[in-house]
N, C-alpha and C. Protein backbone atom coordinates (compact mmCIF):
# COMPACT_ATOMS: atom_id res chain seq x y z
N MET A 1 23.34 31.75 -15.30
CA MET A 1 23.79 31.07 -14.10
C MET A 1 22.99 31.52 -12.87
N THR A 2 22.78 32.84 -12.77
CA THR A 2 22.02 33.39 -11.64
C THR A 2 20.61 32.85 -11.64
N ARG A 3 20.03 32.72 -12.85
CA ARG A 3 18.66 32.23 -12.96
C ARG A 3 18.57 30.79 -12.43
N PHE A 4 19.58 29.95 -12.74
CA PHE A 4 19.57 28.56 -12.26
C PHE A 4 19.71 28.51 -10.73
N LEU A 5 20.56 29.40 -10.18
CA LEU A 5 20.71 29.45 -8.72
C LEU A 5 19.40 29.87 -8.06
N THR A 6 18.74 30.88 -8.63
CA THR A 6 17.46 31.34 -8.09
C THR A 6 16.44 30.22 -8.12
N MET A 7 16.39 29.50 -9.24
CA MET A 7 15.44 28.38 -9.37
C MET A 7 15.76 27.30 -8.32
N GLY A 8 17.05 27.03 -8.11
CA GLY A 8 17.45 26.03 -7.12
C GLY A 8 17.02 26.42 -5.72
N VAL A 9 17.23 27.70 -5.37
CA VAL A 9 16.85 28.19 -4.04
C VAL A 9 15.34 28.12 -3.87
N LEU A 10 14.59 28.54 -4.91
CA LEU A 10 13.12 28.48 -4.84
C LEU A 10 12.65 27.04 -4.69
N SER A 11 13.28 26.12 -5.39
CA SER A 11 12.91 24.71 -5.27
C SER A 11 13.11 24.21 -3.85
N LEU A 12 14.23 24.61 -3.22
CA LEU A 12 14.49 24.22 -1.84
C LEU A 12 13.44 24.80 -0.90
N CYS A 13 13.03 26.05 -1.15
CA CYS A 13 12.02 26.70 -0.29
C CYS A 13 10.71 25.93 -0.31
N PHE A 14 10.34 25.38 -1.47
CA PHE A 14 9.10 24.61 -1.56
C PHE A 14 9.29 23.20 -0.99
N ALA A 15 10.49 22.66 -1.08
CA ALA A 15 10.72 21.28 -0.62
C ALA A 15 10.76 21.20 0.90
N VAL A 16 11.30 22.23 1.57
CA VAL A 16 11.44 22.17 3.02
C VAL A 16 10.10 22.03 3.73
N PRO A 17 9.06 22.87 3.41
CA PRO A 17 7.77 22.66 4.08
C PRO A 17 7.19 21.28 3.79
N ALA A 18 7.39 20.76 2.59
CA ALA A 18 6.87 19.43 2.24
C ALA A 18 7.54 18.37 3.11
N LEU A 19 8.86 18.51 3.32
CA LEU A 19 9.57 17.56 4.17
C LEU A 19 9.12 17.68 5.61
N ALA A 20 8.89 18.91 6.08
CA ALA A 20 8.44 19.11 7.46
C ALA A 20 7.07 18.47 7.66
N ALA A 21 6.18 18.61 6.68
CA ALA A 21 4.84 18.03 6.81
C ALA A 21 4.91 16.51 6.85
N SER A 22 5.83 15.92 6.07
CA SER A 22 5.91 14.47 6.01
C SER A 22 6.55 13.89 7.28
N SER A 23 7.23 14.74 8.09
CA SER A 23 7.88 14.23 9.28
C SER A 23 6.96 14.26 10.51
N ALA A 24 5.70 14.66 10.32
CA ALA A 24 4.76 14.68 11.44
C ALA A 24 4.31 13.26 11.78
N LEU A 25 4.08 13.03 13.06
CA LEU A 25 3.58 11.72 13.50
C LEU A 25 2.09 11.61 13.22
N HIS A 26 1.65 10.41 12.89
CA HIS A 26 0.24 10.15 12.60
C HIS A 26 -0.24 8.94 13.41
N SER A 27 -1.50 8.99 13.81
CA SER A 27 -2.08 7.86 14.54
C SER A 27 -2.15 6.64 13.64
N GLY A 28 -1.98 5.47 14.26
CA GLY A 28 -2.10 4.24 13.48
C GLY A 28 -1.43 3.07 14.16
N LYS A 29 -1.40 1.96 13.43
CA LYS A 29 -0.71 0.75 13.88
C LYS A 29 0.64 0.72 13.19
N TYR A 30 1.67 0.50 13.97
CA TYR A 30 3.04 0.41 13.46
C TYR A 30 3.59 -0.92 13.96
N GLU A 31 3.35 -1.98 13.20
CA GLU A 31 3.71 -3.33 13.61
C GLU A 31 3.09 -3.60 14.99
N GLY A 32 3.90 -3.79 16.05
CA GLY A 32 3.35 -4.08 17.36
C GLY A 32 2.92 -2.87 18.17
N LEU A 33 3.02 -1.67 17.61
CA LEU A 33 2.72 -0.44 18.34
C LEU A 33 1.41 0.19 17.88
N MET A 34 0.51 0.44 18.84
CA MET A 34 -0.67 1.28 18.60
C MET A 34 -0.25 2.69 19.00
N LEU A 35 -0.45 3.66 18.12
CA LEU A 35 -0.03 5.03 18.41
C LEU A 35 -1.18 6.00 18.14
N ALA A 36 -1.45 6.87 19.11
CA ALA A 36 -2.45 7.92 18.94
C ALA A 36 -1.79 9.27 19.14
N VAL A 37 -2.11 10.21 18.24
CA VAL A 37 -1.64 11.59 18.38
C VAL A 37 -2.83 12.40 18.89
N THR A 38 -2.69 13.00 20.07
CA THR A 38 -3.79 13.73 20.70
C THR A 38 -3.97 15.10 20.05
N PRO A 39 -5.11 15.75 20.28
CA PRO A 39 -5.29 17.11 19.75
C PRO A 39 -4.24 18.10 20.26
N GLN A 40 -3.61 17.80 21.39
CA GLN A 40 -2.55 18.66 21.95
C GLN A 40 -1.17 18.30 21.39
N GLN A 41 -1.13 17.43 20.37
CA GLN A 41 0.12 16.97 19.74
C GLN A 41 1.01 16.19 20.70
N GLN A 42 0.41 15.56 21.70
CA GLN A 42 1.10 14.60 22.54
C GLN A 42 0.87 13.22 21.90
N VAL A 43 1.57 12.22 22.37
CA VAL A 43 1.35 10.88 21.86
C VAL A 43 1.00 9.93 23.00
N GLU A 44 0.18 8.93 22.67
CA GLU A 44 -0.15 7.85 23.59
C GLU A 44 0.05 6.56 22.80
N GLY A 45 0.65 5.57 23.44
CA GLY A 45 0.93 4.34 22.70
C GLY A 45 0.88 3.10 23.57
N TYR A 46 0.76 1.98 22.88
CA TYR A 46 0.77 0.68 23.55
C TYR A 46 1.53 -0.27 22.65
N TYR A 47 2.61 -0.84 23.17
CA TYR A 47 3.43 -1.78 22.42
C TYR A 47 3.15 -3.19 22.93
N ALA A 48 2.86 -4.11 22.02
CA ALA A 48 2.61 -5.51 22.40
C ALA A 48 3.19 -6.42 21.33
N GLU A 49 4.03 -7.34 21.76
CA GLU A 49 4.64 -8.30 20.83
C GLU A 49 4.74 -9.65 21.51
N GLU A 50 4.44 -10.71 20.77
CA GLU A 50 4.57 -12.07 21.29
C GLU A 50 5.52 -12.86 20.42
N MET A 51 6.19 -13.84 21.03
CA MET A 51 7.12 -14.68 20.30
C MET A 51 6.90 -16.13 20.71
N GLY A 52 6.99 -17.00 19.75
CA GLY A 52 6.87 -18.43 20.04
C GLY A 52 5.50 -18.98 19.66
N GLU A 53 5.41 -20.30 19.63
CA GLU A 53 4.15 -20.99 19.36
C GLU A 53 3.85 -21.89 20.54
N GLY A 54 2.57 -22.04 20.84
CA GLY A 54 2.20 -22.83 22.02
C GLY A 54 2.47 -22.04 23.27
N VAL A 55 3.66 -22.23 23.84
CA VAL A 55 4.06 -21.41 24.99
C VAL A 55 4.69 -20.14 24.43
N THR A 56 4.02 -19.01 24.63
CA THR A 56 4.52 -17.76 24.06
C THR A 56 5.13 -16.88 25.14
N ARG A 57 6.04 -16.02 24.70
CA ARG A 57 6.60 -14.99 25.56
C ARG A 57 6.10 -13.65 25.05
N GLY A 58 5.75 -12.76 25.95
CA GLY A 58 5.18 -11.49 25.53
C GLY A 58 5.91 -10.29 26.12
N CYS A 59 5.83 -9.20 25.39
CA CYS A 59 6.43 -7.92 25.80
C CYS A 59 5.36 -6.86 25.60
N THR A 60 4.97 -6.18 26.67
CA THR A 60 3.99 -5.10 26.55
C THR A 60 4.41 -3.93 27.42
N PHE A 61 4.17 -2.72 26.90
CA PHE A 61 4.35 -1.51 27.71
C PHE A 61 3.58 -0.37 27.07
N TYR A 62 3.32 0.66 27.88
CA TYR A 62 2.61 1.85 27.44
C TYR A 62 3.61 2.98 27.24
N LEU A 63 3.20 4.00 26.49
CA LEU A 63 4.02 5.21 26.38
C LEU A 63 3.11 6.42 26.26
N GLN A 64 3.61 7.55 26.75
CA GLN A 64 2.82 8.78 26.74
C GLN A 64 3.72 9.98 26.91
N GLY A 65 3.36 11.10 26.28
CA GLY A 65 4.11 12.34 26.46
C GLY A 65 4.36 13.05 25.15
N LYS A 66 5.33 13.95 25.18
CA LYS A 66 5.75 14.64 23.95
C LYS A 66 6.63 13.68 23.17
N PRO A 67 6.58 13.73 21.83
CA PRO A 67 7.36 12.77 21.04
C PRO A 67 8.84 12.70 21.43
N GLY A 68 9.45 13.83 21.77
CA GLY A 68 10.87 13.83 22.10
C GLY A 68 11.17 13.51 23.55
N ALA A 69 10.12 13.43 24.39
CA ALA A 69 10.33 13.18 25.82
C ALA A 69 9.19 12.36 26.38
N LEU A 70 9.19 11.08 26.04
CA LEU A 70 8.12 10.16 26.47
C LEU A 70 8.45 9.51 27.80
N THR A 71 7.38 9.05 28.46
CA THR A 71 7.54 8.11 29.56
C THR A 71 6.98 6.78 29.06
N THR A 72 7.75 5.71 29.20
CA THR A 72 7.26 4.37 28.87
C THR A 72 7.15 3.62 30.19
N TRP A 73 6.14 2.77 30.32
CA TRP A 73 6.00 2.04 31.58
C TRP A 73 5.29 0.71 31.40
N GLY A 74 5.69 -0.22 32.25
CA GLY A 74 5.04 -1.50 32.43
C GLY A 74 4.90 -1.60 33.94
N GLN A 75 5.91 -2.21 34.59
CA GLN A 75 5.99 -2.15 36.06
C GLN A 75 6.85 -0.96 36.50
N GLU A 76 7.90 -0.68 35.73
CA GLU A 76 8.79 0.46 36.00
C GLU A 76 8.66 1.45 34.85
N ALA A 77 9.02 2.70 35.09
CA ALA A 77 8.96 3.73 34.06
C ALA A 77 10.37 4.04 33.54
N TYR A 78 10.47 4.18 32.20
CA TYR A 78 11.74 4.52 31.56
C TYR A 78 11.48 5.59 30.50
N PRO A 79 12.44 6.52 30.32
CA PRO A 79 12.26 7.55 29.30
C PRO A 79 12.46 7.00 27.90
N GLY A 80 11.88 7.70 26.92
CA GLY A 80 12.02 7.30 25.53
C GLY A 80 11.63 8.43 24.60
N SER A 81 11.65 8.13 23.31
CA SER A 81 11.24 9.12 22.31
C SER A 81 10.73 8.38 21.08
N ILE A 82 9.97 9.13 20.26
CA ILE A 82 9.45 8.56 19.02
C ILE A 82 9.51 9.64 17.95
N ALA A 83 9.83 9.25 16.73
CA ALA A 83 9.92 10.19 15.62
C ALA A 83 9.41 9.53 14.36
N ALA A 84 8.84 10.34 13.47
CA ALA A 84 8.40 9.83 12.18
C ALA A 84 9.63 9.43 11.37
N SER A 85 9.48 8.35 10.59
CA SER A 85 10.55 7.93 9.68
C SER A 85 9.92 7.68 8.31
N GLY A 86 10.70 7.25 7.36
CA GLY A 86 10.23 7.08 5.98
C GLY A 86 8.84 6.50 5.84
N ASP A 87 8.64 5.25 6.26
CA ASP A 87 7.33 4.62 6.10
C ASP A 87 6.73 4.23 7.44
N GLY A 88 7.17 4.91 8.51
CA GLY A 88 6.64 4.57 9.82
C GLY A 88 7.19 5.47 10.90
N VAL A 89 7.65 4.84 11.98
CA VAL A 89 8.19 5.59 13.11
C VAL A 89 9.46 4.91 13.62
N THR A 90 10.25 5.67 14.35
CA THR A 90 11.42 5.12 15.04
C THR A 90 11.19 5.32 16.54
N LEU A 91 11.11 4.22 17.27
CA LEU A 91 10.88 4.24 18.71
C LEU A 91 12.20 3.95 19.41
N THR A 92 12.56 4.82 20.35
CA THR A 92 13.81 4.66 21.08
C THR A 92 13.53 4.65 22.58
N VAL A 93 13.88 3.55 23.23
CA VAL A 93 13.77 3.44 24.69
C VAL A 93 15.04 2.72 25.14
N GLU A 94 15.99 3.47 25.67
CA GLU A 94 17.29 2.90 26.00
C GLU A 94 17.17 1.68 26.91
N GLN A 95 16.24 1.73 27.86
CA GLN A 95 16.05 0.60 28.79
C GLN A 95 14.80 -0.21 28.44
N GLY A 96 14.38 -0.15 27.19
CA GLY A 96 13.14 -0.81 26.77
C GLY A 96 13.09 -2.30 27.04
N ARG A 97 14.24 -2.96 26.94
CA ARG A 97 14.26 -4.41 27.16
C ARG A 97 14.14 -4.78 28.63
N GLN A 98 14.13 -3.77 29.50
CA GLN A 98 13.93 -4.03 30.93
C GLN A 98 12.45 -4.09 31.30
N HIS A 99 11.56 -3.69 30.37
CA HIS A 99 10.13 -3.86 30.64
C HIS A 99 9.85 -5.36 30.76
N PRO A 100 8.90 -5.76 31.62
CA PRO A 100 8.63 -7.19 31.85
C PRO A 100 8.41 -7.98 30.56
N GLY A 101 9.17 -9.07 30.42
CA GLY A 101 9.02 -9.96 29.28
C GLY A 101 9.71 -9.50 28.01
N CYS A 102 10.29 -8.30 28.01
CA CYS A 102 10.82 -7.72 26.76
C CYS A 102 12.25 -8.14 26.43
N LEU A 103 13.00 -8.63 27.40
CA LEU A 103 14.41 -8.96 27.15
C LEU A 103 14.57 -9.95 26.01
N ASN A 104 13.76 -11.00 25.97
CA ASN A 104 13.90 -12.04 24.95
C ASN A 104 13.00 -11.85 23.74
N VAL A 105 12.20 -10.76 23.74
CA VAL A 105 11.24 -10.55 22.66
C VAL A 105 11.58 -9.31 21.85
N LEU A 106 11.91 -8.24 22.53
CA LEU A 106 12.15 -6.95 21.88
C LEU A 106 13.56 -6.88 21.29
N MET A 107 13.65 -6.37 20.06
CA MET A 107 14.95 -6.26 19.39
C MET A 107 15.89 -5.32 20.15
N PRO A 108 17.19 -5.63 20.19
CA PRO A 108 18.15 -4.76 20.89
C PRO A 108 18.16 -3.33 20.35
N GLU A 109 17.74 -3.15 19.09
CA GLU A 109 17.72 -1.81 18.47
C GLU A 109 16.82 -0.83 19.21
N ILE A 110 15.92 -1.32 20.07
CA ILE A 110 15.05 -0.41 20.82
C ILE A 110 15.89 0.61 21.60
N ALA A 111 17.11 0.24 21.98
CA ALA A 111 17.97 1.14 22.76
C ALA A 111 18.49 2.31 21.93
N THR A 112 18.64 2.12 20.63
CA THR A 112 19.20 3.17 19.78
C THR A 112 18.24 3.66 18.71
N GLY A 113 17.11 2.98 18.55
CA GLY A 113 16.11 3.39 17.55
C GLY A 113 15.60 2.21 16.77
N LEU A 114 14.40 1.75 17.13
CA LEU A 114 13.77 0.61 16.45
C LEU A 114 12.79 1.14 15.41
N ASP A 115 13.03 0.79 14.14
CA ASP A 115 12.16 1.25 13.05
C ASP A 115 10.95 0.33 12.94
N LEU A 116 9.75 0.93 12.95
CA LEU A 116 8.50 0.20 12.84
C LEU A 116 7.72 0.74 11.65
N SER A 117 7.33 -0.13 10.72
CA SER A 117 6.58 0.28 9.54
C SER A 117 5.10 0.42 9.87
N GLN A 118 4.46 1.39 9.23
CA GLN A 118 3.02 1.57 9.44
C GLN A 118 2.25 0.44 8.76
N THR A 119 1.37 -0.20 9.51
CA THR A 119 0.55 -1.28 8.96
C THR A 119 -0.90 -0.85 8.78
N ALA A 120 -1.32 0.23 9.46
CA ALA A 120 -2.69 0.77 9.29
C ALA A 120 -2.71 2.21 9.76
N SER A 121 -3.37 3.07 8.98
CA SER A 121 -3.55 4.47 9.37
C SER A 121 -4.88 4.61 10.11
N LYS A 122 -4.89 5.33 11.22
CA LYS A 122 -6.10 5.49 12.04
C LYS A 122 -6.31 6.97 12.37
N ASN A 123 -7.51 7.28 12.88
CA ASN A 123 -7.84 8.65 13.29
C ASN A 123 -7.94 8.76 14.80
N TRP A 124 -7.18 7.97 15.53
CA TRP A 124 -7.26 7.95 16.98
C TRP A 124 -6.76 9.27 17.58
N ILE A 125 -7.48 9.75 18.62
CA ILE A 125 -7.07 10.96 19.34
C ILE A 125 -6.58 10.60 20.75
N GLY A 126 -6.54 9.33 21.06
CA GLY A 126 -6.07 8.84 22.35
C GLY A 126 -6.23 7.34 22.42
N LEU A 127 -5.74 6.76 23.50
CA LEU A 127 -5.93 5.33 23.77
C LEU A 127 -6.51 5.19 25.17
N VAL A 128 -7.35 4.18 25.36
CA VAL A 128 -7.85 3.86 26.69
C VAL A 128 -7.75 2.36 26.91
N THR A 129 -7.73 1.96 28.20
CA THR A 129 -7.72 0.56 28.58
C THR A 129 -9.09 0.21 29.14
N VAL A 130 -9.67 -0.89 28.69
CA VAL A 130 -10.97 -1.32 29.17
C VAL A 130 -10.83 -1.76 30.63
N SER A 131 -11.68 -1.19 31.51
CA SER A 131 -11.62 -1.52 32.93
C SER A 131 -12.79 -2.42 33.35
N ALA A 132 -13.85 -2.47 32.53
CA ALA A 132 -15.00 -3.34 32.83
C ALA A 132 -14.69 -4.76 32.38
N ASP A 133 -15.33 -5.75 33.02
CA ASP A 133 -15.12 -7.14 32.60
C ASP A 133 -15.55 -7.33 31.15
N LYS A 134 -16.64 -6.66 30.76
CA LYS A 134 -17.15 -6.76 29.40
C LYS A 134 -17.81 -5.41 29.05
N ALA A 135 -17.39 -4.79 27.95
CA ALA A 135 -17.96 -3.51 27.53
C ALA A 135 -18.52 -3.67 26.11
N TYR A 136 -19.84 -3.56 25.98
CA TYR A 136 -20.49 -3.68 24.67
C TYR A 136 -20.28 -2.39 23.88
N LEU A 137 -20.00 -2.55 22.58
CA LEU A 137 -19.78 -1.40 21.70
C LEU A 137 -21.14 -0.90 21.20
N GLN A 138 -21.65 0.16 21.83
CA GLN A 138 -22.98 0.67 21.50
C GLN A 138 -22.95 1.55 20.25
N LYS A 139 -24.09 1.59 19.53
CA LYS A 139 -24.17 2.40 18.30
C LYS A 139 -24.16 3.89 18.60
N THR A 140 -24.73 4.28 19.74
CA THR A 140 -24.79 5.70 20.12
C THR A 140 -24.48 5.84 21.60
N PRO A 141 -24.01 7.03 22.05
CA PRO A 141 -23.79 7.23 23.49
C PRO A 141 -25.11 7.06 24.24
N GLY A 142 -25.06 6.37 25.36
CA GLY A 142 -26.26 6.20 26.17
C GLY A 142 -27.06 4.96 25.85
N ALA A 143 -26.81 4.32 24.73
CA ALA A 143 -27.55 3.10 24.37
C ALA A 143 -27.14 1.97 25.31
N LYS A 144 -28.04 1.02 25.52
CA LYS A 144 -27.74 -0.13 26.39
C LYS A 144 -28.25 -1.40 25.71
N VAL A 145 -27.57 -1.84 24.68
CA VAL A 145 -27.96 -3.05 23.97
C VAL A 145 -26.88 -4.11 24.18
N ALA A 146 -27.27 -5.26 24.72
CA ALA A 146 -26.29 -6.29 25.05
C ALA A 146 -25.87 -7.13 23.84
N LYS A 147 -26.72 -7.23 22.81
CA LYS A 147 -26.37 -8.09 21.66
C LYS A 147 -25.55 -7.30 20.66
N ARG A 148 -24.35 -6.92 21.09
CA ARG A 148 -23.43 -6.15 20.25
C ARG A 148 -22.04 -6.74 20.42
N PRO A 149 -21.11 -6.44 19.51
CA PRO A 149 -19.72 -6.85 19.76
C PRO A 149 -19.25 -6.21 21.08
N TYR A 150 -18.35 -6.88 21.77
CA TYR A 150 -17.87 -6.32 23.03
C TYR A 150 -16.36 -6.50 23.15
N ILE A 151 -15.80 -5.71 24.06
CA ILE A 151 -14.38 -5.78 24.37
C ILE A 151 -14.27 -6.14 25.85
N VAL A 152 -13.13 -6.65 26.26
CA VAL A 152 -12.99 -7.16 27.62
C VAL A 152 -11.88 -6.44 28.38
N LYS A 153 -11.88 -6.67 29.68
CA LYS A 153 -10.93 -6.03 30.59
C LYS A 153 -9.49 -6.16 30.09
N ARG A 154 -8.77 -5.06 30.16
CA ARG A 154 -7.36 -4.92 29.76
C ARG A 154 -7.15 -4.77 28.26
N ASP A 155 -8.20 -4.86 27.44
CA ASP A 155 -8.03 -4.53 26.02
C ASP A 155 -7.65 -3.06 25.91
N VAL A 156 -6.73 -2.75 25.00
CA VAL A 156 -6.37 -1.36 24.72
C VAL A 156 -7.00 -0.99 23.39
N VAL A 157 -7.74 0.12 23.37
CA VAL A 157 -8.48 0.52 22.16
C VAL A 157 -8.19 1.97 21.82
N GLY A 158 -8.31 2.29 20.53
CA GLY A 158 -8.12 3.65 20.07
C GLY A 158 -9.40 4.46 20.26
N VAL A 159 -9.25 5.74 20.59
CA VAL A 159 -10.41 6.62 20.79
C VAL A 159 -10.57 7.51 19.56
N LEU A 160 -11.80 7.53 19.02
CA LEU A 160 -12.12 8.38 17.87
C LEU A 160 -12.78 9.68 18.30
N ALA A 161 -13.51 9.66 19.44
CA ALA A 161 -14.20 10.85 19.93
C ALA A 161 -14.60 10.66 21.38
N TYR A 162 -14.75 11.78 22.09
CA TYR A 162 -15.31 11.78 23.44
C TYR A 162 -16.59 12.61 23.39
N LYS A 163 -17.66 12.16 24.08
CA LYS A 163 -18.91 12.92 24.09
C LYS A 163 -19.74 12.54 25.30
N ASP A 164 -20.06 13.55 26.13
CA ASP A 164 -20.99 13.39 27.26
C ASP A 164 -20.66 12.18 28.14
N GLY A 165 -19.39 12.02 28.50
CA GLY A 165 -19.02 10.90 29.37
C GLY A 165 -18.88 9.57 28.66
N TRP A 166 -18.88 9.60 27.35
CA TRP A 166 -18.71 8.39 26.55
C TRP A 166 -17.50 8.55 25.64
N ALA A 167 -16.95 7.43 25.21
CA ALA A 167 -15.85 7.45 24.24
C ALA A 167 -16.23 6.55 23.06
N GLN A 168 -16.04 7.07 21.86
CA GLN A 168 -16.21 6.23 20.67
C GLN A 168 -14.86 5.58 20.42
N VAL A 169 -14.84 4.26 20.49
CA VAL A 169 -13.57 3.54 20.43
C VAL A 169 -13.53 2.58 19.25
N GLU A 170 -12.30 2.23 18.87
CA GLU A 170 -12.08 1.26 17.80
C GLU A 170 -11.18 0.15 18.34
N PHE A 171 -11.69 -1.07 18.23
CA PHE A 171 -10.92 -2.25 18.61
C PHE A 171 -10.50 -2.98 17.34
N VAL A 172 -9.22 -3.30 17.23
CA VAL A 172 -8.71 -4.05 16.08
C VAL A 172 -8.27 -5.41 16.60
N ASN A 173 -8.88 -6.49 16.08
CA ASN A 173 -8.54 -7.82 16.58
C ASN A 173 -7.27 -8.36 15.93
N ALA A 174 -6.88 -9.56 16.31
CA ALA A 174 -5.62 -10.15 15.83
C ALA A 174 -5.60 -10.35 14.32
N GLU A 175 -6.79 -10.50 13.72
CA GLU A 175 -6.87 -10.68 12.26
C GLU A 175 -6.93 -9.34 11.52
N GLY A 176 -6.90 -8.23 12.27
CA GLY A 176 -6.93 -6.91 11.64
C GLY A 176 -8.34 -6.37 11.41
N ARG A 177 -9.38 -7.11 11.86
CA ARG A 177 -10.75 -6.61 11.72
C ARG A 177 -11.01 -5.53 12.74
N SER A 178 -11.76 -4.51 12.32
CA SER A 178 -12.00 -3.34 13.16
C SER A 178 -13.45 -3.32 13.64
N PHE A 179 -13.65 -2.99 14.92
CA PHE A 179 -14.98 -2.87 15.51
C PHE A 179 -15.07 -1.52 16.21
N ILE A 180 -16.11 -0.74 15.89
CA ILE A 180 -16.26 0.61 16.43
C ILE A 180 -17.56 0.73 17.21
N GLY A 181 -17.53 1.42 18.34
CA GLY A 181 -18.73 1.67 19.11
C GLY A 181 -18.43 2.56 20.30
N TRP A 182 -19.47 2.88 21.06
CA TRP A 182 -19.36 3.78 22.21
C TRP A 182 -19.33 2.98 23.51
N ILE A 183 -18.45 3.37 24.44
CA ILE A 183 -18.45 2.80 25.78
C ILE A 183 -18.46 3.96 26.78
N SER A 184 -19.03 3.72 27.97
CA SER A 184 -19.17 4.79 28.95
C SER A 184 -17.90 4.93 29.78
N GLN A 185 -17.75 6.10 30.39
CA GLN A 185 -16.51 6.41 31.11
C GLN A 185 -16.26 5.51 32.32
N ASP A 186 -17.29 4.81 32.80
CA ASP A 186 -17.06 3.88 33.91
C ASP A 186 -16.57 2.51 33.41
N GLN A 187 -16.39 2.39 32.08
CA GLN A 187 -15.92 1.13 31.51
C GLN A 187 -14.48 1.19 31.00
N TYR A 188 -13.85 2.36 31.11
CA TYR A 188 -12.48 2.49 30.61
C TYR A 188 -11.65 3.38 31.51
N SER A 189 -10.33 3.25 31.37
CA SER A 189 -9.37 4.12 32.06
C SER A 189 -8.48 4.76 31.02
N ARG A 190 -8.26 6.06 31.16
CA ARG A 190 -7.34 6.74 30.24
C ARG A 190 -5.91 6.41 30.66
N LEU A 191 -5.01 6.46 29.69
CA LEU A 191 -3.61 6.19 30.00
C LEU A 191 -3.07 7.30 30.91
N ALA A 192 -2.31 6.94 31.88
CA ALA A 192 -1.71 7.92 32.80
C ALA A 192 -0.31 7.45 33.15
N ALA A 193 0.68 8.14 32.62
CA ALA A 193 2.07 7.79 32.91
C ALA A 193 2.34 7.98 34.39
N PRO A 194 3.08 7.06 35.01
CA PRO A 194 3.39 7.22 36.44
C PRO A 194 4.21 8.46 36.68
N THR A 195 3.96 9.12 37.81
CA THR A 195 4.74 10.31 38.14
C THR A 195 6.03 9.87 38.84
N ALA A 196 7.04 10.69 38.72
CA ALA A 196 8.34 10.36 39.31
C ALA A 196 8.22 10.33 40.83
N GLN A 197 8.85 9.33 41.43
CA GLN A 197 8.85 9.19 42.90
C GLN A 197 9.95 10.09 43.49
N ASN A 198 9.62 10.81 44.55
CA ASN A 198 10.63 11.65 45.22
C ASN A 198 11.25 10.91 46.39
């Protein structure tokens, strides 16, 4: 009997670290959410969802911070949190439907925990927003070739690396095709959560 108890306790000891490892957040696409885990174990995200055909309604907002204490923002900032779940993440923003356009698009569960399944795994270390009207995806930092795929103002892209004032970014289009290249720091803005007003 003692031997079985010892074996049971040892089994639990090995299972707990495995469960802890599986509960870590990972960069990727989670349905309408782009999520990046930074080297500092912070998260950066962009949620975008559209509803309807022809005339569409859209819901978009950014998020940034520690997983348990995020700031989400569109026009106004609201607190939230994100946690790993079985096959994806659970995003909770109590006032999430107050972001512009989100009332009729975002599920009410956002207030108590909206489960999002992972649709693509990525190696993003951050997210940036394109600030240039047109940014060509160069093969190497410093290159200036115009006949390349490009991204446009307000596109949100995942960052794979930073080097010498350049960012290697990945753009995923609506069909799920991925385009990777380098853009210079004058062509993008890093996400910056609004600071609290006093």
